[in-house]
Amino acid sequence: MKTALWQALLQWKWIWKWRRFDLSFKESLVINMLGSVIKVVSTFLLLPSMAFAAYPDAVQVLVDEGLKVEASFDAPGGVKGFVGRRNGHSISLYLMPDGEHVIIGKMVDGFGQDLSAAHLRNWLPKPDLTGAWQELADAAWVSEGPTDAKRIVYVFSDPNCGYCVVFRQKAQPYLERGVELRHIMVGIIQPSSLAKAASVLGAEDPVRKLEFHDSQFPGGWLESEENIPQDLRQLVQSNNRLMESLFVAVTPSVIYKDSNGEVRKIVGLPDDSALSEAVFRVPE
């Protein structure tokens, strides 16, 4: 009887020890698994801050202000170069060796060569204009010239832009030769630009309204933005966004198709040879 009781006690003791070991092992396993999960979650939570820290602080400040960095490279003089875009403008900047200061602007060498221009040309990706033509066709524009023209040219135009007036004057002889010029009205130069652009798009005779603004002093026609109909405001703002998406920052900026049907862009007022040989060249 005593022997049987003793054996039963020993068996219960080992069962109790095993259960304690089993529970301890399971608890340890759960704790280790939780630790691993926490580490993984923490890593993912830290990813945004890790990405945030991808640029030195001096560069990150500019990124926070809207600069989109496209590339970085080793520049002459032991500095780190960056190229990017902001509000349609191409920008080159150089991080000083101390890693705490950035210089924005043109880098030239001892021979006066513009190295920044080469950096932008070599490192800044060219915008893809493949789908731009349809986007331009869908924008809000004012047409001059024949509607059945063999050639269509688009121009981003601000009513307060003096060079837009010059461009329009230079375009007139080509309109008589079968070119249609489509003015995509934007409002970016002065506070009155949006209201003026909206007034052109909403006019019964948009071309005449455009001529009226062309004849005015840039700041001589004011209209409160509160008086702009919401639909016209949205059209101008949509044109502004289209302009920015095509990395265009100034007016006039001209978009046309070359002899091979490729979409091309000229930012700023084209010279006379570009107008005659490229922009307004009518197919044979």
Protein backbone atom coordinates (compact mmCIF):
# COMPACT_ATOMS: atom_id res chain seq x y z
CA MET A 1 0.00 0.00 0.00
CA LYS A 2 2.81 2.40 0.96
CA THR A 3 4.76 1.46 -2.16
CA ALA A 4 1.76 2.13 -4.40
CA LEU A 5 1.13 5.45 -2.66
CA TRP A 6 4.76 6.46 -3.01
CA GLN A 7 4.78 5.60 -6.72
CA ALA A 8 1.60 7.64 -7.20
CA LEU A 9 3.19 10.62 -5.45
CA LEU A 10 6.32 10.36 -7.62
CA GLN A 11 4.19 10.16 -10.77
CA TRP A 12 2.17 13.22 -9.72
CA LYS A 13 5.42 15.09 -8.94
CA TRP A 14 6.83 14.45 -12.42
CA ILE A 15 3.52 15.39 -14.06
CA TRP A 16 3.49 18.64 -12.08
CA LYS A 17 7.12 19.39 -13.05
CA TRP A 18 6.38 18.64 -16.70
CA ARG A 19 3.35 20.90 -16.70
CA ARG A 20 5.39 23.66 -15.08
CA PHE A 21 8.09 23.19 -17.74
CA ASP A 22 5.48 23.05 -20.48
CA LEU A 23 3.77 26.24 -19.27
CA SER A 24 7.11 27.99 -18.82
CA PHE A 25 8.19 26.95 -22.32
CA LYS A 26 4.92 28.13 -23.84
CA GLU A 27 5.10 31.45 -21.98
CA SER A 28 8.68 31.93 -23.16
CA LEU A 29 7.67 31.07 -26.71
CA VAL A 30 4.78 33.55 -26.62
CA ILE A 31 7.00 36.27 -25.15
CA ASN A 32 9.66 35.68 -27.81
CA MET A 33 7.03 35.74 -30.54
CA LEU A 34 5.57 38.96 -29.18
CA GLY A 35 9.04 40.45 -29.07
CA SER A 36 9.62 39.54 -32.71
CA VAL A 37 6.24 40.97 -33.73
CA ILE A 38 6.97 44.19 -31.85
CA LYS A 39 10.35 44.46 -33.59
CA VAL A 40 8.76 43.97 -37.01
CA VAL A 41 5.98 46.48 -36.29
CA SER A 42 8.49 48.96 -34.91
CA THR A 43 10.59 48.62 -38.06
CA PHE A 44 7.59 49.37 -40.28
CA LEU A 45 6.61 52.30 -38.09
CA LEU A 46 10.11 53.67 -38.39
CA LEU A 47 10.20 53.34 -42.18
CA PRO A 48 8.61 56.78 -42.81
CA SER A 49 11.13 58.44 -40.52
CA MET A 50 13.94 56.46 -42.15
CA ALA A 51 12.72 57.67 -45.56
CA PHE A 52 12.28 61.14 -44.11
CA ALA A 53 15.94 61.09 -43.14
CA ALA A 54 17.03 60.12 -46.68
CA TYR A 55 18.33 63.64 -47.29
CA PRO A 56 20.59 65.80 -45.12
CA ASP A 57 18.66 68.33 -43.05
CA ALA A 58 19.62 71.28 -45.26
CA VAL A 59 18.21 69.47 -48.32
CA GLN A 60 15.19 68.12 -46.45
CA VAL A 61 14.14 71.67 -45.58
CA LEU A 62 13.80 72.38 -49.31
CA VAL A 63 11.98 69.08 -49.89
CA ASP A 64 9.48 70.07 -47.19
CA GLU A 65 8.95 73.35 -49.05
CA GLY A 66 7.99 71.56 -52.27
CA LEU A 67 11.26 70.61 -53.97
CA LYS A 68 11.14 67.22 -55.70
CA VAL A 69 14.67 65.82 -55.83
CA GLU A 70 15.23 63.79 -59.00
CA ALA A 71 18.90 62.81 -58.66
CA SER A 72 22.06 63.27 -56.61
CA PHE A 73 25.67 63.06 -57.77
CA ASP A 74 29.26 63.92 -56.87
CA ALA A 75 29.98 67.46 -58.06
CA PRO A 76 33.34 69.22 -58.48
CA GLY A 77 34.97 70.74 -55.42
CA GLY A 78 34.05 67.90 -53.10
CA VAL A 79 30.39 68.87 -52.84
CA LYS A 80 27.31 66.72 -53.30
CA GLY A 81 25.04 67.85 -56.11
CA PHE A 82 21.27 67.51 -56.33
CA VAL A 83 18.87 68.35 -59.16
CA GLY A 84 15.11 68.60 -58.93
CA ARG A 85 12.00 70.59 -59.71
CA ARG A 86 9.82 72.98 -57.79
CA ASN A 87 6.68 74.63 -59.20
CA GLY A 88 7.82 73.71 -62.70
CA HIS A 89 11.30 75.20 -62.25
CA SER A 90 14.44 73.09 -62.70
CA ILE A 91 16.79 73.58 -59.75
CA SER A 92 20.39 72.61 -59.03
CA LEU A 93 21.77 72.70 -55.50
CA TYR A 94 25.01 71.75 -53.83
CA LEU A 95 25.54 70.36 -50.34
CA MET A 96 28.70 71.73 -48.71
CA PRO A 97 31.29 69.31 -47.27
CA ASP A 98 30.12 70.08 -43.71
CA GLY A 99 26.77 68.49 -44.63
CA GLU A 100 24.90 71.36 -43.00
CA HIS A 101 24.68 74.02 -45.71
CA VAL A 102 23.26 74.05 -49.23
CA ILE A 103 23.95 76.52 -52.05
CA ILE A 104 21.25 76.92 -54.71
CA GLY A 105 22.17 78.32 -58.10
CA LYS A 106 24.75 78.20 -60.84
CA MET A 107 28.13 76.48 -60.56
CA VAL A 108 30.83 77.71 -62.97
CA ASP A 109 34.43 76.63 -63.41
CA GLY A 110 37.57 78.70 -63.98
CA PHE A 111 36.79 78.99 -67.69
CA GLY A 112 33.32 80.39 -67.06
CA GLN A 113 31.55 77.22 -68.16
CA ASP A 114 28.08 76.73 -66.70
CA LEU A 115 28.44 73.38 -64.94
CA SER A 116 24.95 73.56 -63.45
CA ALA A 117 23.41 73.55 -66.93
CA ALA A 118 25.31 70.35 -67.68
CA HIS A 119 24.20 68.84 -64.38
CA LEU A 120 20.55 69.58 -65.17
CA ARG A 121 20.95 68.24 -68.69
CA ASN A 122 22.68 65.03 -67.59
CA TRP A 123 20.85 64.22 -64.37
CA LEU A 124 17.36 65.69 -64.60
CA PRO A 125 14.92 63.32 -66.34
CA LYS A 126 13.11 64.84 -69.29
CA PRO A 127 9.34 65.02 -68.78
CA ASP A 128 7.32 62.49 -70.75
CA LEU A 129 5.04 64.46 -73.08
CA THR A 130 3.49 61.39 -74.71
CA GLY A 131 0.07 61.90 -73.16
CA ALA A 132 0.31 65.68 -72.99
CA TRP A 133 -1.36 66.35 -76.34
CA GLN A 134 -4.69 64.88 -75.25
CA GLU A 135 -4.49 66.69 -71.91
CA LEU A 136 -3.99 69.96 -73.77
CA ALA A 137 -6.94 69.20 -76.04
CA ASP A 138 -9.11 68.60 -72.97
CA ALA A 139 -8.04 71.85 -71.27
CA ALA A 140 -9.92 75.18 -71.34
CA TRP A 141 -8.52 77.20 -74.23
CA VAL A 142 -9.35 80.04 -76.62
CA SER A 143 -8.91 79.38 -80.33
CA GLU A 144 -7.49 81.73 -82.96
CA GLY A 145 -7.18 80.81 -86.60
CA PRO A 146 -9.03 78.26 -88.74
CA THR A 147 -10.75 75.43 -86.89
CA ASP A 148 -9.90 73.02 -89.72
CA ALA A 149 -6.21 73.92 -89.58
CA LYS A 150 -3.49 71.52 -90.66
CA ARG A 151 -1.44 72.51 -87.64
CA ILE A 152 -2.42 73.13 -84.01
CA VAL A 153 -0.20 74.94 -81.51
CA TYR A 154 -0.89 75.35 -77.79
CA VAL A 155 0.40 78.21 -75.65
CA PHE A 156 0.06 78.76 -71.91
CA SER A 157 -0.92 82.41 -71.61
CA ASP A 158 -1.44 84.76 -68.65
CA PRO A 159 -3.40 87.99 -69.32
CA ASN A 160 -0.75 89.92 -67.37
CA CYS A 161 2.14 88.51 -69.41
CA GLY A 162 3.78 91.07 -71.71
CA TYR A 163 5.71 88.41 -73.60
CA CYS A 164 2.42 86.61 -74.28
CA VAL A 165 1.25 89.74 -76.09
CA VAL A 166 4.45 89.72 -78.18
CA PHE A 167 4.02 86.03 -78.97
CA ARG A 168 0.43 86.55 -80.05
CA GLN A 169 1.47 89.41 -82.35
CA LYS A 170 4.21 87.28 -83.92
CA ALA A 171 1.72 84.43 -84.41
CA GLN A 172 -0.81 86.41 -86.47
CA PRO A 173 0.84 85.95 -89.92
CA TYR A 174 0.98 82.18 -89.37
CA LEU A 175 -2.71 82.02 -88.47
CA GLU A 176 -3.46 83.37 -91.93
CA ARG A 177 -1.48 80.46 -93.40
CA GLY A 178 -3.61 77.78 -91.80
CA VAL A 179 -2.34 77.45 -88.21
CA GLU A 180 -4.74 77.24 -85.26
CA LEU A 181 -3.38 78.76 -82.04
CA ARG A 182 -5.02 77.63 -78.82
CA HIS A 183 -4.46 79.86 -75.78
CA ILE A 184 -4.62 77.86 -72.53
CA MET A 185 -5.49 80.62 -70.09
CA VAL A 186 -3.71 80.51 -66.72
CA GLY A 187 -3.51 82.88 -63.77
CA ILE A 188 -0.05 82.83 -62.18
CA ILE A 189 1.69 86.21 -62.56
CA GLN A 190 -0.33 88.74 -60.57
CA PRO A 191 -3.29 88.62 -58.16
CA SER A 192 -5.54 89.84 -60.97
CA SER A 193 -4.38 87.10 -63.37
CA LEU A 194 -6.94 84.51 -62.31
CA ALA A 195 -9.85 86.93 -62.67
CA LYS A 196 -8.63 88.12 -66.07
CA ALA A 197 -8.10 84.57 -67.35
CA ALA A 198 -11.59 83.62 -66.14
CA SER A 199 -13.09 86.66 -67.88
CA VAL A 200 -11.53 85.56 -71.18
CA LEU A 201 -12.80 81.98 -70.88
CA GLY A 202 -16.27 83.17 -69.91
CA ALA A 203 -16.63 85.89 -72.56
CA GLU A 204 -19.06 85.67 -75.49
CA ASP A 205 -16.16 86.66 -77.74
CA PRO A 206 -13.03 85.30 -75.98
CA VAL A 207 -10.60 86.55 -78.64
CA ARG A 208 -11.91 90.08 -78.35
CA LYS A 209 -11.64 89.87 -74.56
CA LEU A 210 -8.08 88.65 -74.94
CA GLU A 211 -7.33 91.62 -77.19
CA PHE A 212 -8.83 93.93 -74.56
CA HIS A 213 -6.50 92.61 -71.86
CA ASP A 214 -3.55 92.77 -74.26
CA SER A 215 -4.17 96.50 -74.64
CA GLN A 216 -4.34 97.18 -70.89
CA PHE A 217 -1.58 98.01 -68.46
CA PRO A 218 -0.86 94.73 -66.58
CA GLY A 219 -2.23 96.03 -63.28
CA GLY A 220 -4.87 98.28 -64.75
CA TRP A 221 -7.84 95.93 -64.72
CA LEU A 222 -8.91 94.56 -61.37
CA GLU A 223 -11.76 92.23 -60.54
CA SER A 224 -12.49 90.80 -57.12
CA GLU A 225 -11.98 87.04 -56.98
CA GLU A 226 -15.27 86.78 -55.12
CA ASN A 227 -17.03 87.79 -58.35
CA ILE A 228 -15.50 84.96 -60.37
CA PRO A 229 -18.04 82.17 -61.07
CA GLN A 230 -16.94 78.92 -59.49
CA ASP A 231 -16.95 76.99 -62.77
CA LEU A 232 -14.64 79.53 -64.45
CA ARG A 233 -12.37 79.62 -61.40
CA GLN A 234 -12.04 75.84 -61.56
CA LEU A 235 -11.20 75.94 -65.28
CA VAL A 236 -8.33 78.37 -64.71
CA GLN A 237 -7.07 76.44 -61.68
CA SER A 238 -7.18 73.22 -63.70
CA ASN A 239 -5.11 74.91 -66.41
CA ASN A 240 -2.65 76.05 -63.74
CA ARG A 241 -2.26 72.46 -62.52
CA LEU A 242 -1.81 71.17 -66.07
CA MET A 243 0.91 73.74 -66.63
CA GLU A 244 2.72 72.65 -63.47
CA SER A 245 2.38 68.94 -64.31
CA LEU A 246 4.21 69.59 -67.58
CA PHE A 247 7.04 71.31 -65.66
CA VAL A 248 6.23 74.68 -67.17
CA ALA A 249 6.82 77.66 -64.90
CA VAL A 250 6.67 80.71 -67.18
CA THR A 251 4.43 82.20 -69.84
CA PRO A 252 4.33 82.04 -72.74
CA SER A 253 5.26 78.37 -73.03
CA VAL A 254 4.53 76.72 -76.34
CA ILE A 255 3.73 73.07 -77.05
CA TYR A 256 3.60 71.74 -80.60
CA LYS A 257 4.35 68.65 -82.70
CA ASP A 258 7.52 68.37 -84.74
CA SER A 259 7.78 66.96 -88.26
CA ASN A 260 7.87 63.42 -86.82
CA GLY A 261 4.72 63.93 -84.79
CA GLU A 262 6.62 64.11 -81.49
CA VAL A 263 5.29 66.53 -78.87
CA ARG A 264 7.78 69.33 -78.19
CA LYS A 265 7.91 72.16 -75.68
CA ILE A 266 9.50 75.61 -75.68
CA VAL A 267 9.49 77.40 -72.33
CA GLY A 268 9.44 81.16 -72.76
CA LEU A 269 9.12 83.31 -75.87
CA PRO A 270 10.56 81.42 -78.88
CA ASP A 271 12.88 83.31 -81.20
CA ASP A 272 11.83 84.06 -84.77
CA SER A 273 13.68 81.11 -86.30
CA ALA A 274 12.04 78.68 -83.86
CA LEU A 275 8.64 80.14 -84.73
CA SER A 276 9.07 79.79 -88.47
CA GLU A 277 11.06 76.54 -88.62
CA ALA A 278 9.48 74.57 -85.78
CA VAL A 279 6.47 75.96 -83.94
CA PHE A 280 4.39 77.25 -86.87
CA ARG A 281 5.82 75.10 -89.62
CA VAL A 282 2.85 73.88 -91.65
CA PRO A 283 3.13 70.34 -93.11
CA GLU A 284 3.61 70.18 -96.86
